[in-house]
Amino acid sequence: MAYPYRVAVQISMYPMDVRHARHLLAHQLRVWGPMVDRFVVTIDVHRSRAGRYRGAGFDENLAALRAIVDELRAQDPRVSWHEVDYRPETRREVARTYFGRDDIPVKAWDGGPFYAYFHGLLEARARYVIHFDGDMLFGGASRQWVGEAVRLLDGDPDVLLASPLPGPPRADGRIFGHGEGAERLDRPELGLAYRFQHASTRVFVMDQQKLREKVGVLPLTPPVLASRIKSHLLGNPPIAREAEVILGEVLRDHGLYRVDFLGTAPGMWSLHPPYRSDEFYRRLPELIAAVEAGDVPEAQRGDYDMNDSMIDWSVQRQANRRSRRLWRLLKDRLNLS
């Protein structure tokens, strides 16, 4: 397969992302723009029937999101937006390219994006795709990191995915929130680095040619019973697990790894806001400035989720716990495992 571009950034967004896109897209372009050939925002226009991916004000937010990207395109012609194409012929192309099938479900069992992720990878039209979700922040802003990631993917046959270091680096190099699967690597050319056999769709760099050569096509893994029941309650197709779960299975089944690394100083690291609030949106320009300057609290270092040392999430965290309790109660009532 020929690729018109060598390296492209591909950002997955949904119209409900417009409030943070006003600030974050410009930040992401500042960080990644100097290192890539293309910068494309893939907008998913398919509405879930229920659940957290439904949203209100869809059409108004979609128009506003397009306008934000158009403003950036006026400054940099490499920037574009592309709506996820759900026509049958395009769905067939995406499904055959990544799964060796004639079709794949539009949504994962929970109503989250599925087809849209793989459509975005195809639409990037690049061998090396830097994919991330639209709410990600990046610190360090190394101008060498992409070149180092490409050399890693080219030079190490066991590495399928690469990512910036998760969270701002600590002096002792520790990272948190990854369970027991994080293995620290002694590779001075990568700086601080860890490898994993699970994936995240929040951010990764993929060599699409290597994916075809090493893996071929991806499995379409069905959800477990409890998730299938919940998918019916939400009105979503009970066909596929989340994209990151499938990619993690591929890593383990093929003896491959994802490597997260800082790289040559100042390096590159990622930060993810786990919740949303009016205070978050109000303070977002300030938070972006702090991340770009590397001015983060010590308690944030090593943590890839923006924590309470940067913004108070207590109300949002409690609401999330309440939602989880309601789902556990539903499972108990239905005697689900």
C-alpha atoms as a PDB file:
ATOM      1  CA  MET A   1       0.000   0.000   0.000  1.00  0.00           C
ATOM      2  CA  ALA A   2       1.371   3.413  -0.950  1.00  0.00           C
ATOM      3  CA  TYR A   3       1.047   6.263   1.549  1.00  0.00           C
ATOM      4  CA  PRO A   4       0.793   9.874   0.314  1.00  0.00           C
ATOM      5  CA  TYR A   5       2.238  11.073   3.642  1.00  0.00           C
ATOM      6  CA  ARG A   6       5.068   9.731   5.760  1.00  0.00           C
ATOM      7  CA  VAL A   7       4.025  11.048   9.198  1.00  0.00           C
ATOM      8  CA  ALA A   8       0.585  12.400  10.103  1.00  0.00           C
ATOM      9  CA  VAL A   9      -1.182  13.458  13.265  1.00  0.00           C
ATOM     10  CA  GLN A  10      -4.741  12.116  13.393  1.00  0.00           C
ATOM     11  CA  ILE A  11      -7.023  13.409  16.160  1.00  0.00           C
ATOM     12  CA  SER A  12     -10.330  11.708  16.936  1.00  0.00           C
ATOM     13  CA  MET A  13     -13.064  14.115  17.999  1.00  0.00           C
ATOM     14  CA  TYR A  14     -16.813  14.235  18.494  1.00  0.00           C
ATOM     15  CA  PRO A  15     -18.993  17.360  18.284  1.00  0.00           C
ATOM     16  CA  MET A  16     -19.427  17.335  22.076  1.00  0.00           C
ATOM     17  CA  ASP A  17     -15.646  17.955  22.340  1.00  0.00           C
ATOM     18  CA  VAL A  18     -16.022  21.522  21.089  1.00  0.00           C
ATOM     19  CA  ARG A  19     -15.576  23.209  24.489  1.00  0.00           C
ATOM     20  CA  HIS A  20     -12.045  21.914  24.972  1.00  0.00           C
ATOM     21  CA  ALA A  21     -11.215  21.940  21.247  1.00  0.00           C
ATOM     22  CA  ARG A  22     -11.293  25.739  21.299  1.00  0.00           C
ATOM     23  CA  HIS A  23      -8.036  25.688  23.249  1.00  0.00           C
ATOM     24  CA  LEU A  24      -6.532  22.221  22.891  1.00  0.00           C
ATOM     25  CA  LEU A  25      -6.333  21.953  19.101  1.00  0.00           C
ATOM     26  CA  ALA A  26      -4.092  25.021  18.905  1.00  0.00           C
ATOM     27  CA  HIS A  27      -1.936  23.574  21.693  1.00  0.00           C
ATOM     28  CA  GLN A  28      -1.650  20.229  19.924  1.00  0.00           C
ATOM     29  CA  LEU A  29      -0.689  21.912  16.667  1.00  0.00           C
ATOM     30  CA  ARG A  30       2.035  23.902  18.433  1.00  0.00           C
ATOM     31  CA  VAL A  31       3.472  20.717  19.928  1.00  0.00           C
ATOM     32  CA  TRP A  32       3.251  18.310  16.983  1.00  0.00           C
ATOM     33  CA  GLY A  33       3.067  20.550  13.921  1.00  0.00           C
ATOM     34  CA  PRO A  34       6.826  21.065  13.497  1.00  0.00           C
ATOM     35  CA  MET A  35       7.411  17.297  13.209  1.00  0.00           C
ATOM     36  CA  VAL A  36       4.688  16.010  10.863  1.00  0.00           C
ATOM     37  CA  ASP A  37       3.527  16.203   7.250  1.00  0.00           C
ATOM     38  CA  ARG A  38      -0.204  16.318   7.940  1.00  0.00           C
ATOM     39  CA  PHE A  39      -2.515  17.266  10.818  1.00  0.00           C
ATOM     40  CA  VAL A  40      -6.053  15.916  10.370  1.00  0.00           C
ATOM     41  CA  VAL A  41      -9.006  16.121  12.758  1.00  0.00           C
ATOM     42  CA  THR A  42     -11.404  13.215  12.253  1.00  0.00           C
ATOM     43  CA  ILE A  43     -14.897  14.169  13.419  1.00  0.00           C
ATOM     44  CA  ASP A  44     -17.275  11.336  14.263  1.00  0.00           C
ATOM     45  CA  VAL A  45     -20.790  12.382  13.222  1.00  0.00           C
ATOM     46  CA  HIS A  46     -22.584   9.183  14.237  1.00  0.00           C
ATOM     47  CA  ARG A  47     -24.858   9.622  17.261  1.00  0.00           C
ATOM     48  CA  SER A  48     -25.188   6.919  19.892  1.00  0.00           C
ATOM     49  CA  ARG A  49     -28.785   6.210  20.879  1.00  0.00           C
ATOM     50  CA  ALA A  50     -28.022   6.289  24.611  1.00  0.00           C
ATOM     51  CA  GLY A  51     -25.234   6.518  27.155  1.00  0.00           C
ATOM     52  CA  ARG A  52     -22.471   9.043  27.640  1.00  0.00           C
ATOM     53  CA  TYR A  53     -21.754   9.350  23.894  1.00  0.00           C
ATOM     54  CA  ARG A  54     -25.213  10.681  23.004  1.00  0.00           C
ATOM     55  CA  GLY A  55     -25.040  14.407  23.847  1.00  0.00           C
ATOM     56  CA  ALA A  56     -27.271  17.380  23.049  1.00  0.00           C
ATOM     57  CA  GLY A  57     -26.760  20.331  20.723  1.00  0.00           C
ATOM     58  CA  PHE A  58     -25.120  18.023  18.217  1.00  0.00           C
ATOM     59  CA  ASP A  59     -25.555  20.106  15.052  1.00  0.00           C
ATOM     60  CA  GLU A  60     -24.529  23.396  16.659  1.00  0.00           C
ATOM     61  CA  ASN A  61     -21.423  21.837  18.195  1.00  0.00           C
ATOM     62  CA  LEU A  62     -20.503  20.159  14.914  1.00  0.00           C
ATOM     63  CA  ALA A  63     -20.609  23.489  13.069  1.00  0.00           C
ATOM     64  CA  ALA A  64     -18.536  25.144  15.790  1.00  0.00           C
ATOM     65  CA  LEU A  65     -15.938  22.365  15.709  1.00  0.00           C
ATOM     66  CA  ARG A  66     -15.570  22.622  11.929  1.00  0.00           C
ATOM     67  CA  ALA A  67     -15.087  26.393  12.275  1.00  0.00           C
ATOM     68  CA  ILE A  68     -12.322  25.941  14.874  1.00  0.00           C
ATOM     69  CA  VAL A  69     -10.375  23.616  12.582  1.00  0.00           C
ATOM     70  CA  ASP A  70     -10.925  25.947   9.619  1.00  0.00           C
ATOM     71  CA  GLU A  71      -9.355  28.790  11.625  1.00  0.00           C
ATOM     72  CA  LEU A  72      -6.275  26.651  12.208  1.00  0.00           C
ATOM     73  CA  ARG A  73      -6.188  25.632   8.536  1.00  0.00           C
ATOM     74  CA  ALA A  74      -6.076  29.323   7.584  1.00  0.00           C
ATOM     75  CA  GLN A  75      -2.830  29.533   9.591  1.00  0.00           C
ATOM     76  CA  ASP A  76      -1.349  26.201   8.449  1.00  0.00           C
ATOM     77  CA  PRO A  77      -2.479  24.481   5.206  1.00  0.00           C
ATOM     78  CA  ARG A  78      -1.408  21.074   6.511  1.00  0.00           C
ATOM     79  CA  VAL A  79      -4.404  21.174   8.889  1.00  0.00           C
ATOM     80  CA  SER A  80      -7.744  19.714   7.785  1.00  0.00           C
ATOM     81  CA  TRP A  81     -10.880  18.126   9.172  1.00  0.00           C
ATOM     82  CA  HIS A  82     -12.637  15.066   7.853  1.00  0.00           C
ATOM     83  CA  GLU A  83     -15.972  13.635   8.925  1.00  0.00           C
ATOM     84  CA  VAL A  84     -16.082   9.893   9.468  1.00  0.00           C
ATOM     85  CA  ASP A  85     -17.508   8.380   6.288  1.00  0.00           C
ATOM     86  CA  TYR A  86     -20.207   5.763   6.918  1.00  0.00           C
ATOM     87  CA  ARG A  87     -21.058   4.984   3.307  1.00  0.00           C
ATOM     88  CA  PRO A  88     -21.108   1.216   2.638  1.00  0.00           C
ATOM     89  CA  GLU A  89     -18.138   1.295   0.258  1.00  0.00           C
ATOM     90  CA  THR A  90     -15.985   3.167   2.794  1.00  0.00           C
ATOM     91  CA  ARG A  91     -17.046   0.907   5.634  1.00  0.00           C
ATOM     92  CA  ARG A  92     -16.033  -2.060   3.485  1.00  0.00           C
ATOM     93  CA  GLU A  93     -12.609  -0.515   2.769  1.00  0.00           C
ATOM     94  CA  VAL A  94     -11.949   0.152   6.461  1.00  0.00           C
ATOM     95  CA  ALA A  95     -13.167  -3.274   7.542  1.00  0.00           C
ATOM     96  CA  ARG A  96     -11.112  -5.109   4.934  1.00  0.00           C
ATOM     97  CA  THR A  97      -7.977  -3.057   5.620  1.00  0.00           C
ATOM     98  CA  TYR A  98      -7.875  -3.639   9.373  1.00  0.00           C
ATOM     99  CA  PHE A  99     -10.051  -6.705  10.030  1.00  0.00           C
ATOM    100  CA  GLY A 100     -10.159  -8.666   6.782  1.00  0.00           C
ATOM    101  CA  ARG A 101     -13.970  -8.522   6.851  1.00  0.00           C
ATOM    102  CA  ASP A 102     -16.660  -6.829   4.782  1.00  0.00           C
ATOM    103  CA  ASP A 103     -17.987  -4.807   7.717  1.00  0.00           C
ATOM    104  CA  ILE A 104     -17.360  -3.910  11.363  1.00  0.00           C
ATOM    105  CA  PRO A 105     -19.718  -2.357  13.928  1.00  0.00           C
ATOM    106  CA  VAL A 106     -20.023   1.403  14.057  1.00  0.00           C
ATOM    107  CA  LYS A 107     -19.788   1.512  17.850  1.00  0.00           C
ATOM    108  CA  ALA A 108     -18.254  -0.648  20.552  1.00  0.00           C
ATOM    109  CA  TRP A 109     -20.586  -2.350  23.005  1.00  0.00           C
ATOM    110  CA  ASP A 110     -20.656   0.730  25.305  1.00  0.00           C
ATOM    111  CA  GLY A 111     -21.520   3.201  22.534  1.00  0.00           C
ATOM    112  CA  GLY A 112     -17.963   4.482  22.347  1.00  0.00           C
ATOM    113  CA  PRO A 113     -16.134   4.963  19.065  1.00  0.00           C
ATOM    114  CA  PHE A 114     -15.014   1.877  17.179  1.00  0.00           C
ATOM    115  CA  TYR A 115     -15.274   2.173  13.411  1.00  0.00           C
ATOM    116  CA  ALA A 116     -14.301   5.850  13.753  1.00  0.00           C
ATOM    117  CA  TYR A 117     -10.866   4.957  15.177  1.00  0.00           C
ATOM    118  CA  PHE A 118      -9.963   2.760  12.228  1.00  0.00           C
ATOM    119  CA  HIS A 119     -11.493   5.110   9.703  1.00  0.00           C
ATOM    120  CA  GLY A 120      -9.240   7.800  11.202  1.00  0.00           C
ATOM    121  CA  LEU A 121      -6.140   5.642  10.770  1.00  0.00           C
ATOM    122  CA  LEU A 122      -7.024   5.012   7.143  1.00  0.00           C
ATOM    123  CA  GLU A 123      -7.892   8.665   6.506  1.00  0.00           C
ATOM    124  CA  ALA A 124      -4.494   9.759   7.825  1.00  0.00           C
ATOM    125  CA  ARG A 125      -3.028   8.297   4.599  1.00  0.00           C
ATOM    126  CA  ALA A 126       0.351   8.001   6.286  1.00  0.00           C
ATOM    127  CA  ARG A 127       2.673   5.150   7.140  1.00  0.00           C
ATOM    128  CA  TYR A 128       3.375   6.554  10.621  1.00  0.00           C
ATOM    129  CA  VAL A 129       0.207   7.806  12.317  1.00  0.00           C
ATOM    130  CA  ILE A 130       0.326   9.751  15.564  1.00  0.00           C
ATOM    131  CA  HIS A 131      -3.173   9.182  16.874  1.00  0.00           C
ATOM    132  CA  PHE A 132      -4.603  10.841  19.957  1.00  0.00           C
ATOM    133  CA  ASP A 133      -7.929  11.848  21.399  1.00  0.00           C
ATOM    134  CA  GLY A 134      -8.892  15.493  21.257  1.00  0.00           C
ATOM    135  CA  ASP A 135      -8.642  16.084  25.014  1.00  0.00           C
ATOM    136  CA  MET A 136      -4.940  15.234  25.366  1.00  0.00           C
ATOM    137  CA  LEU A 137      -2.285  17.695  26.582  1.00  0.00           C
ATOM    138  CA  PHE A 138       1.438  17.336  25.841  1.00  0.00           C
ATOM    139  CA  GLY A 139       4.470  18.631  27.686  1.00  0.00           C
ATOM    140  CA  GLY A 140       8.157  18.755  26.830  1.00  0.00           C
ATOM    141  CA  ALA A 141       7.505  19.690  23.205  1.00  0.00           C
ATOM    142  CA  SER A 142      10.687  18.024  21.932  1.00  0.00           C
ATOM    143  CA  ARG A 143      11.285  18.623  18.245  1.00  0.00           C
ATOM    144  CA  GLN A 144      13.108  15.266  18.016  1.00  0.00           C
ATOM    145  CA  TRP A 145      10.528  12.952  19.537  1.00  0.00           C
ATOM    146  CA  VAL A 146       8.755  11.860  16.342  1.00  0.00           C
ATOM    147  CA  GLY A 147      12.058  10.998  14.667  1.00  0.00           C
ATOM    148  CA  GLU A 148      13.032   8.967  17.729  1.00  0.00           C
ATOM    149  CA  ALA A 149       9.683   7.152  17.679  1.00  0.00           C
ATOM    150  CA  VAL A 150      10.078   6.281  13.997  1.00  0.00           C
ATOM    151  CA  ARG A 151      13.590   4.934  14.623  1.00  0.00           C
ATOM    152  CA  LEU A 152      12.249   2.826  17.493  1.00  0.00           C
ATOM    153  CA  LEU A 153       9.454   1.341  15.366  1.00  0.00           C
ATOM    154  CA  ASP A 154      11.823   0.727  12.455  1.00  0.00           C
ATOM    155  CA  GLY A 155      14.637  -0.718  14.542  1.00  0.00           C
ATOM    156  CA  ASP A 156      12.884  -2.938  17.077  1.00  0.00           C
ATOM    157  CA  PRO A 157      10.850  -5.802  15.556  1.00  0.00           C
ATOM    158  CA  ASP A 158       8.964  -6.342  18.840  1.00  0.00           C
ATOM    159  CA  VAL A 159       7.563  -2.800  19.136  1.00  0.00           C
ATOM    160  CA  LEU A 160       4.242  -2.137  17.386  1.00  0.00           C
ATOM    161  CA  LEU A 161       3.161   1.051  19.188  1.00  0.00           C
ATOM    162  CA  ALA A 162       5.009   3.992  20.733  1.00  0.00           C
ATOM    163  CA  SER A 163       3.739   6.822  22.927  1.00  0.00           C
ATOM    164  CA  PRO A 164       5.065   9.815  24.833  1.00  0.00           C
ATOM    165  CA  LEU A 165       5.868   9.185  28.488  1.00  0.00           C
ATOM    166  CA  PRO A 166       2.592   8.968  30.454  1.00  0.00           C
ATOM    167  CA  GLY A 167       2.644  12.008  32.719  1.00  0.00           C
ATOM    168  CA  PRO A 168       5.385  14.534  33.481  1.00  0.00           C
ATOM    169  CA  PRO A 169       8.606  12.783  34.515  1.00  0.00           C
ATOM    170  CA  ARG A 170       9.601  12.332  38.154  1.00  0.00           C
ATOM    171  CA  ALA A 171      13.192  12.508  39.334  1.00  0.00           C
ATOM    172  CA  ASP A 172      13.056   8.809  40.274  1.00  0.00           C
ATOM    173  CA  GLY A 173      11.439   7.843  36.945  1.00  0.00           C
ATOM    174  CA  ARG A 174       8.390   6.162  38.485  1.00  0.00           C
ATOM    175  CA  ILE A 175       4.979   6.155  36.809  1.00  0.00           C
ATOM    176  CA  PHE A 176       1.617   5.378  38.382  1.00  0.00           C
ATOM    177  CA  GLY A 177      -1.729   3.913  37.400  1.00  0.00           C
ATOM    178  CA  HIS A 178      -0.543   1.150  35.065  1.00  0.00           C
ATOM    179  CA  GLY A 179      -0.890  -1.893  37.292  1.00  0.00           C
ATOM    180  CA  GLU A 180       1.821  -4.529  37.217  1.00  0.00           C
ATOM    181  CA  GLY A 181       2.277  -4.490  33.454  1.00  0.00           C
ATOM    182  CA  ALA A 182       4.791  -1.647  33.193  1.00  0.00           C
ATOM    183  CA  GLU A 183       8.390  -2.749  32.597  1.00  0.00           C
ATOM    184  CA  ARG A 184      11.079  -0.080  32.816  1.00  0.00           C
ATOM    185  CA  LEU A 185      13.603  -0.270  29.985  1.00  0.00           C
ATOM    186  CA  ASP A 186      17.332   0.378  30.164  1.00  0.00           C
ATOM    187  CA  ARG A 187      17.715   2.079  26.787  1.00  0.00           C
ATOM    188  CA  PRO A 188      19.608   5.364  27.101  1.00  0.00           C
ATOM    189  CA  GLU A 189      18.671   6.462  23.563  1.00  0.00           C
ATOM    190  CA  LEU A 190      15.012   6.550  24.654  1.00  0.00           C
ATOM    191  CA  GLY A 191      15.575   8.409  27.899  1.00  0.00           C
ATOM    192  CA  LEU A 192      13.051   7.309  30.508  1.00  0.00           C
ATOM    193  CA  ALA A 193      11.075   4.458  28.926  1.00  0.00           C
ATOM    194  CA  TYR A 194       8.589   1.719  29.783  1.00  0.00           C
ATOM    195  CA  ARG A 195       7.065  -1.084  27.770  1.00  0.00           C
ATOM    196  CA  PHE A 196       3.619  -2.683  28.045  1.00  0.00           C
ATOM    197  CA  GLN A 197       1.538  -5.426  26.494  1.00  0.00           C
ATOM    198  CA  HIS A 198      -1.655  -3.446  26.661  1.00  0.00           C
ATOM    199  CA  ALA A 199      -2.745  -0.537  24.490  1.00  0.00           C
ATOM    200  CA  SER A 200      -4.460   2.800  24.897  1.00  0.00           C
ATOM    201  CA  THR A 201      -6.356   4.714  22.238  1.00  0.00           C
ATOM    202  CA  ARG A 202      -5.700   7.968  24.070  1.00  0.00           C
ATOM    203  CA  VAL A 203      -2.381   8.346  22.283  1.00  0.00           C
ATOM    204  CA  PHE A 204      -0.083   6.132  20.206  1.00  0.00           C
ATOM    205  CA  VAL A 205       2.188   6.139  17.189  1.00  0.00           C
ATOM    206  CA  MET A 206       1.638   3.241  14.798  1.00  0.00           C
ATOM    207  CA  ASP A 207       3.590   2.074  11.772  1.00  0.00           C
ATOM    208  CA  GLN A 208       0.742   0.909   9.562  1.00  0.00           C
ATOM    209  CA  GLN A 209       3.040  -1.069   7.295  1.00  0.00           C
ATOM    210  CA  LYS A 210       4.442  -2.918  10.290  1.00  0.00           C
ATOM    211  CA  LEU A 211       0.917  -3.685  11.498  1.00  0.00           C
ATOM    212  CA  ARG A 212       0.154  -5.435   8.207  1.00  0.00           C
ATOM    213  CA  GLU A 213       3.475  -7.269   8.113  1.00  0.00           C
ATOM    214  CA  LYS A 214       3.521  -8.411  11.759  1.00  0.00           C
ATOM    215  CA  VAL A 215      -0.173  -8.905  12.510  1.00  0.00           C
ATOM    216  CA  GLY A 216      -2.088  -8.986   9.236  1.00  0.00           C
ATOM    217  CA  VAL A 217      -5.669  -8.295  10.287  1.00  0.00           C
ATOM    218  CA  LEU A 218      -7.143  -7.597  13.717  1.00  0.00           C
ATOM    219  CA  PRO A 219      -9.576  -9.917  15.545  1.00  0.00           C
ATOM    220  CA  LEU A 220     -13.112  -8.684  16.169  1.00  0.00           C
ATOM    221  CA  THR A 221     -13.357  -9.652  19.823  1.00  0.00           C
ATOM    222  CA  PRO A 222     -16.891  -9.842  21.305  1.00  0.00           C
ATOM    223  CA  PRO A 223     -17.679  -8.346  24.739  1.00  0.00           C
ATOM    224  CA  VAL A 224     -18.222 -10.492  27.824  1.00  0.00           C
ATOM    225  CA  LEU A 225     -21.764 -11.443  28.850  1.00  0.00           C
ATOM    226  CA  ALA A 226     -22.285  -8.568  31.300  1.00  0.00           C
ATOM    227  CA  SER A 227     -21.203  -6.064  28.680  1.00  0.00           C
ATOM    228  CA  ARG A 228     -23.477  -7.654  26.066  1.00  0.00           C
ATOM    229  CA  ILE A 229     -26.453  -7.252  28.403  1.00  0.00           C
ATOM    230  CA  LYS A 230     -25.541  -3.637  29.099  1.00  0.00           C
ATOM    231  CA  SER A 231     -25.086  -2.964  25.384  1.00  0.00           C
ATOM    232  CA  HIS A 232     -28.683  -4.065  24.764  1.00  0.00           C
ATOM    233  CA  LEU A 233     -29.901  -1.767  27.539  1.00  0.00           C
ATOM    234  CA  LEU A 234     -28.044   1.142  25.923  1.00  0.00           C
ATOM    235  CA  GLY A 235     -29.174   0.250  22.404  1.00  0.00           C
ATOM    236  CA  ASN A 236     -25.632  -0.458  21.143  1.00  0.00           C
ATOM    237  CA  PRO A 237     -24.447  -3.429  19.057  1.00  0.00           C
ATOM    238  CA  PRO A 238     -23.053  -6.221  21.292  1.00  0.00           C
ATOM    239  CA  ILE A 239     -20.425  -7.203  18.733  1.00  0.00           C
ATOM    240  CA  ALA A 240     -17.029  -5.708  19.578  1.00  0.00           C
ATOM    241  CA  ARG A 241     -14.890  -4.903  22.583  1.00  0.00           C
ATOM    242  CA  GLU A 242     -13.241  -1.494  22.777  1.00  0.00           C
ATOM    243  CA  ALA A 243     -10.551  -0.830  20.171  1.00  0.00           C
ATOM    244  CA  GLU A 244      -7.825  -0.593  22.824  1.00  0.00           C
ATOM    245  CA  VAL A 245      -8.790  -3.995  24.244  1.00  0.00           C
ATOM    246  CA  ILE A 246      -8.438  -5.558  20.807  1.00  0.00           C
ATOM    247  CA  LEU A 247      -5.068  -3.885  20.228  1.00  0.00           C
ATOM    248  CA  GLY A 248      -3.881  -5.155  23.617  1.00  0.00           C
ATOM    249  CA  GLU A 249      -4.874  -8.695  22.700  1.00  0.00           C
ATOM    250  CA  VAL A 250      -2.899  -8.359  19.476  1.00  0.00           C
ATOM    251  CA  LEU A 251       0.204  -7.286  21.381  1.00  0.00           C
ATOM    252  CA  ARG A 252       0.009 -10.260  23.737  1.00  0.00           C
ATOM    253  CA  ASP A 253      -0.908 -12.821  21.069  1.00  0.00           C
ATOM    254  CA  HIS A 254       1.971 -11.772  18.809  1.00  0.00           C
ATOM    255  CA  GLY A 255       4.623 -11.101  21.450  1.00  0.00           C
ATOM    256  CA  LEU A 256       4.653  -7.390  20.634  1.00  0.00           C
ATOM    257  CA  TYR A 257       4.898  -4.286  22.818  1.00  0.00           C
ATOM    258  CA  ARG A 258       3.938  -0.694  23.228  1.00  0.00           C
ATOM    259  CA  VAL A 259       6.814   1.512  24.394  1.00  0.00           C
ATOM    260  CA  ASP A 260       6.193   4.818  26.154  1.00  0.00           C
ATOM    261  CA  PHE A 261       9.278   6.983  26.317  1.00  0.00           C
ATOM    262  CA  LEU A 262      10.413  10.500  27.145  1.00  0.00           C
ATOM    263  CA  GLY A 263      13.174  10.767  24.536  1.00  0.00           C
ATOM    264  CA  THR A 264      16.013  13.261  24.327  1.00  0.00           C
ATOM    265  CA  ALA A 265      15.558  16.286  26.601  1.00  0.00           C
ATOM    266  CA  PRO A 266      13.228  18.099  26.865  1.00  0.00           C
ATOM    267  CA  GLY A 267      11.356  14.989  25.712  1.00  0.00           C
ATOM    268  CA  MET A 268       7.626  14.494  25.252  1.00  0.00           C
ATOM    269  CA  TRP A 269       5.001  13.503  27.811  1.00  0.00           C
ATOM    270  CA  SER A 270       1.214  13.288  27.837  1.00  0.00           C
ATOM    271  CA  LEU A 271      -1.476  14.334  30.289  1.00  0.00           C
ATOM    272  CA  HIS A 272      -5.169  13.404  30.238  1.00  0.00           C
ATOM    273  CA  PRO A 273      -8.016  15.226  32.040  1.00  0.00           C
ATOM    274  CA  PRO A 274     -10.193  12.378  33.383  1.00  0.00           C
ATOM    275  CA  TYR A 275     -13.289  14.514  34.023  1.00  0.00           C
ATOM    276  CA  ARG A 276     -15.006  17.704  32.851  1.00  0.00           C
ATOM    277  CA  SER A 277     -16.352  20.646  34.826  1.00  0.00           C
ATOM    278  CA  ASP A 278     -17.078  24.324  34.332  1.00  0.00           C
ATOM    279  CA  GLU A 279     -13.954  25.090  36.335  1.00  0.00           C
ATOM    280  CA  PHE A 280     -11.899  22.884  34.020  1.00  0.00           C
ATOM    281  CA  TYR A 281     -13.117  24.710  30.920  1.00  0.00           C
ATOM    282  CA  ARG A 282     -12.577  28.095  32.580  1.00  0.00           C
ATOM    283  CA  ARG A 283      -9.033  27.225  33.641  1.00  0.00           C
ATOM    284  CA  LEU A 284      -8.058  25.282  30.519  1.00  0.00           C
ATOM    285  CA  PRO A 285      -5.898  28.077  28.969  1.00  0.00           C
ATOM    286  CA  GLU A 286      -4.035  28.360  32.271  1.00  0.00           C
ATOM    287  CA  LEU A 287      -3.581  24.576  32.505  1.00  0.00           C
ATOM    288  CA  ILE A 288      -2.273  24.409  28.927  1.00  0.00           C
ATOM    289  CA  ALA A 289       0.236  27.191  29.649  1.00  0.00           C
ATOM    290  CA  ALA A 290       1.461  25.347  32.747  1.00  0.00           C
ATOM    291  CA  VAL A 291       1.900  22.083  30.813  1.00  0.00           C
ATOM    292  CA  GLU A 292       3.731  23.789  27.941  1.00  0.00           C
ATOM    293  CA  ALA A 293       6.054  25.486  30.452  1.00  0.00           C
ATOM    294  CA  GLY A 294       6.561  22.244  32.420  1.00  0.00           C
ATOM    295  CA  ASP A 295       5.286  24.080  35.498  1.00  0.00           C
ATOM    296  CA  VAL A 296       3.380  21.231  37.149  1.00  0.00           C
ATOM    297  CA  PRO A 297       3.122  20.292  40.845  1.00  0.00           C
ATOM    298  CA  GLU A 298       5.371  17.567  42.168  1.00  0.00           C
ATOM    299  CA  ALA A 299       2.277  15.517  43.020  1.00  0.00           C
ATOM    300  CA  GLN A 300       1.342  15.431  39.305  1.00  0.00           C
ATOM    301  CA  ARG A 301       4.648  13.965  38.193  1.00  0.00           C
ATOM    302  CA  GLY A 302       4.458  10.331  37.166  1.00  0.00           C
ATOM    303  CA  ASP A 303       0.659  10.478  36.828  1.00  0.00           C
ATOM    304  CA  TYR A 304      -0.830  10.537  33.314  1.00  0.00           C
ATOM    305  CA  ASP A 305      -4.270  11.609  34.572  1.00  0.00           C
ATOM    306  CA  MET A 306      -4.524  15.252  35.597  1.00  0.00           C
ATOM    307  CA  ASN A 307      -5.029  14.967  39.358  1.00  0.00           C
ATOM    308  CA  ASP A 308      -6.214  17.134  42.224  1.00  0.00           C
ATOM    309  CA  SER A 309      -2.842  18.837  42.534  1.00  0.00           C
ATOM    310  CA  MET A 310      -3.737  20.726  39.339  1.00  0.00           C
ATOM    311  CA  ILE A 311      -7.545  20.977  39.597  1.00  0.00           C
ATOM    312  CA  ASP A 312     -10.111  19.844  42.175  1.00  0.00           C
ATOM    313  CA  TRP A 313     -12.004  16.883  40.721  1.00  0.00           C
ATOM    314  CA  SER A 314     -13.774  15.835  43.934  1.00  0.00           C
ATOM    315  CA  VAL A 315     -17.331  16.533  42.724  1.00  0.00           C
ATOM    316  CA  GLN A 316     -16.776  14.813  39.368  1.00  0.00           C
ATOM    317  CA  ARG A 317     -15.054  11.848  41.015  1.00  0.00           C
ATOM    318  CA  GLN A 318     -17.976  11.318  43.384  1.00  0.00           C
ATOM    319  CA  ALA A 319     -20.470  11.476  40.507  1.00  0.00           C
ATOM    320  CA  ASN A 320     -18.424   8.858  38.631  1.00  0.00           C
ATOM    321  CA  ARG A 321     -18.426   6.589  41.678  1.00  0.00           C
ATOM    322  CA  ARG A 322     -22.200   6.958  41.976  1.00  0.00           C
ATOM    323  CA  SER A 323     -22.630   5.937  38.325  1.00  0.00           C
ATOM    324  CA  ARG A 324     -20.447   2.884  38.874  1.00  0.00           C
ATOM    325  CA  ARG A 325     -22.450   1.910  41.957  1.00  0.00           C
ATOM    326  CA  LEU A 326     -25.683   2.036  39.955  1.00  0.00           C
ATOM    327  CA  TRP A 327     -24.211  -0.294  37.322  1.00  0.00           C
ATOM    328  CA  ARG A 328     -23.022  -2.726  40.006  1.00  0.00           C
ATOM    329  CA  LEU A 329     -26.525  -2.722  41.473  1.00  0.00           C
ATOM    330  CA  LEU A 330     -27.999  -3.459  38.026  1.00  0.00           C
ATOM    331  CA  LYS A 331     -25.599  -6.365  37.574  1.00  0.00           C
ATOM    332  CA  ASP A 332     -26.562  -7.788  40.982  1.00  0.00           C
ATOM    333  CA  ARG A 333     -30.262  -7.545  40.131  1.00  0.00           C
ATOM    334  CA  LEU A 334     -29.672  -9.367  36.840  1.00  0.00           C
ATOM    335  CA  ASN A 335     -27.257 -11.878  38.450  1.00  0.00           C
ATOM    336  CA  LEU A 336     -24.481 -10.961  36.005  1.00  0.00           C
ATOM    337  CA  SER A 337     -20.876 -11.961  36.615  1.00  0.00           C
END
